[in-house]
Amino acid sequence: MAANDPKRRELGPWYTPRQAAPLLGIDVVQVRVMCAEGQLTCRRRGTPDTPRYQIPESAIDEYNRRSLTPARGRTRARAA
């Protein structure tokens, strides 16, 4: 992907797992696991033995929107 490609620009800025963890409200290790398992959009740099993940701001926004959505099947608590 070229540096001036519009798709690349709309994904950025990029964060490391350590920078993204407080924005996501989860632990750094969990962010890395989610990247490795494909649960969080990221790009992988480094080597297979020592991967370095970069997470776009759009993936952080998407995760936060999903985590704020109420789970299916839940109902509101009844007023007493």
C-alpha atoms as a PDB file:
ATOM      1  CA  MET A   1       0.000   0.000   0.000  1.00  0.00           C
ATOM      2  CA  ALA A   2       1.481   3.351  -1.003  1.00  0.00           C
ATOM      3  CA  ALA A   3       2.064   6.039   1.612  1.00  0.00           C
ATOM      4  CA  ASN A   4      -0.446   8.354  -0.053  1.00  0.00           C
ATOM      5  CA  ASP A   5      -3.120   5.668  -0.498  1.00  0.00           C
ATOM      6  CA  PRO A   6      -6.491   6.932   0.850  1.00  0.00           C
ATOM      7  CA  LYS A   7      -7.206   3.589   2.565  1.00  0.00           C
ATOM      8  CA  ARG A   8      -4.007   3.904   4.584  1.00  0.00           C
ATOM      9  CA  ARG A   9      -4.822   7.451   5.662  1.00  0.00           C
ATOM     10  CA  GLU A  10      -8.294   6.567   6.900  1.00  0.00           C
ATOM     11  CA  LEU A  11      -6.921   3.836   9.189  1.00  0.00           C
ATOM     12  CA  GLY A  12      -4.338   5.953  11.015  1.00  0.00           C
ATOM     13  CA  PRO A  13      -3.010   7.159  13.365  1.00  0.00           C
ATOM     14  CA  TRP A  14      -1.401   3.954  14.627  1.00  0.00           C
ATOM     15  CA  TYR A  15      -0.912   2.867  18.242  1.00  0.00           C
ATOM     16  CA  THR A  16       1.220   0.211  19.909  1.00  0.00           C
ATOM     17  CA  PRO A  17      -0.559  -2.287  22.179  1.00  0.00           C
ATOM     18  CA  ARG A  18       0.818  -0.396  25.203  1.00  0.00           C
ATOM     19  CA  GLN A  19      -0.666   2.886  23.915  1.00  0.00           C
ATOM     20  CA  ALA A  20      -3.950   1.261  22.873  1.00  0.00           C
ATOM     21  CA  ALA A  21      -4.614  -0.660  26.117  1.00  0.00           C
ATOM     22  CA  PRO A  22      -5.810   2.333  28.185  1.00  0.00           C
ATOM     23  CA  LEU A  23      -7.907   3.576  25.253  1.00  0.00           C
ATOM     24  CA  LEU A  24      -9.572   0.170  25.063  1.00  0.00           C
ATOM     25  CA  GLY A  25      -9.842  -0.271  28.818  1.00  0.00           C
ATOM     26  CA  ILE A  26      -8.112  -3.659  28.783  1.00  0.00           C
ATOM     27  CA  ASP A  27      -4.699  -5.098  29.684  1.00  0.00           C
ATOM     28  CA  VAL A  28      -1.732  -4.875  27.277  1.00  0.00           C
ATOM     29  CA  VAL A  29      -1.427  -8.675  27.153  1.00  0.00           C
ATOM     30  CA  GLN A  30      -5.085  -8.968  26.187  1.00  0.00           C
ATOM     31  CA  VAL A  31      -4.576  -6.424  23.381  1.00  0.00           C
ATOM     32  CA  ARG A  32      -1.686  -8.515  21.999  1.00  0.00           C
ATOM     33  CA  VAL A  33      -3.750 -11.708  22.219  1.00  0.00           C
ATOM     34  CA  MET A  34      -6.651 -10.047  20.405  1.00  0.00           C
ATOM     35  CA  CYS A  35      -4.265  -8.912  17.649  1.00  0.00           C
ATOM     36  CA  ALA A  36      -2.731 -12.389  17.341  1.00  0.00           C
ATOM     37  CA  GLU A  37      -6.180 -14.035  17.153  1.00  0.00           C
ATOM     38  CA  GLY A  38      -7.535 -11.515  14.632  1.00  0.00           C
ATOM     39  CA  GLN A  39     -10.140 -10.099  17.018  1.00  0.00           C
ATOM     40  CA  LEU A  40      -8.700  -6.602  16.690  1.00  0.00           C
ATOM     41  CA  THR A  41      -7.709  -5.042  13.381  1.00  0.00           C
ATOM     42  CA  CYS A  42      -3.984  -4.394  13.332  1.00  0.00           C
ATOM     43  CA  ARG A  43      -0.909  -4.663  11.192  1.00  0.00           C
ATOM     44  CA  ARG A  44       1.968  -6.881  12.133  1.00  0.00           C
ATOM     45  CA  ARG A  45       5.564  -5.709  11.974  1.00  0.00           C
ATOM     46  CA  GLY A  46       8.730  -7.419  13.142  1.00  0.00           C
ATOM     47  CA  THR A  47       9.445 -11.125  12.829  1.00  0.00           C
ATOM     48  CA  PRO A  48       7.279 -14.190  13.462  1.00  0.00           C
ATOM     49  CA  ASP A  49       9.202 -14.779  16.697  1.00  0.00           C
ATOM     50  CA  THR A  50       8.813 -11.191  17.938  1.00  0.00           C
ATOM     51  CA  PRO A  51       5.747  -9.626  16.304  1.00  0.00           C
ATOM     52  CA  ARG A  52       5.142  -5.922  16.801  1.00  0.00           C
ATOM     53  CA  TYR A  53       1.542  -4.910  16.365  1.00  0.00           C
ATOM     54  CA  GLN A  54       0.260  -1.521  15.267  1.00  0.00           C
ATOM     55  CA  ILE A  55      -3.413  -0.789  15.878  1.00  0.00           C
ATOM     56  CA  PRO A  56      -5.258   1.881  13.888  1.00  0.00           C
ATOM     57  CA  GLU A  57      -7.443   4.425  15.631  1.00  0.00           C
ATOM     58  CA  SER A  58     -10.419   3.154  13.622  1.00  0.00           C
ATOM     59  CA  ALA A  59     -10.034  -0.315  15.222  1.00  0.00           C
ATOM     60  CA  ILE A  60     -10.005   1.256  18.691  1.00  0.00           C
ATOM     61  CA  ASP A  61     -13.162   3.216  17.882  1.00  0.00           C
ATOM     62  CA  GLU A  62     -14.847   0.093  16.502  1.00  0.00           C
ATOM     63  CA  TYR A  63     -13.948  -1.967  19.589  1.00  0.00           C
ATOM     64  CA  ASN A  64     -15.273   0.736  21.918  1.00  0.00           C
ATOM     65  CA  ARG A  65     -18.551   0.967  19.974  1.00  0.00           C
ATOM     66  CA  ARG A  66     -18.991  -2.816  20.135  1.00  0.00           C
ATOM     67  CA  SER A  67     -18.191  -3.008  23.842  1.00  0.00           C
ATOM     68  CA  LEU A  68     -20.750  -0.311  24.657  1.00  0.00           C
ATOM     69  CA  THR A  69     -23.543  -2.147  22.829  1.00  0.00           C
ATOM     70  CA  PRO A  70     -25.765  -4.127  25.231  1.00  0.00           C
ATOM     71  CA  ALA A  71     -25.523  -7.894  24.902  1.00  0.00           C
ATOM     72  CA  ARG A  72     -28.347  -9.630  23.038  1.00  0.00           C
ATOM     73  CA  GLY A  73     -31.080 -11.094  25.140  1.00  0.00           C
ATOM     74  CA  ARG A  74     -30.564  -8.707  28.021  1.00  0.00           C
ATOM     75  CA  THR A  75     -33.553  -6.827  29.230  1.00  0.00           C
ATOM     76  CA  ARG A  76     -33.819  -3.714  31.300  1.00  0.00           C
ATOM     77  CA  ALA A  77     -34.157  -4.177  35.018  1.00  0.00           C
ATOM     78  CA  ARG A  78     -37.724  -3.711  36.134  1.00  0.00           C
ATOM     79  CA  ALA A  79     -38.545  -0.730  38.281  1.00  0.00           C
ATOM     80  CA  ALA A  80     -39.591  -1.736  41.777  1.00  0.00           C
END
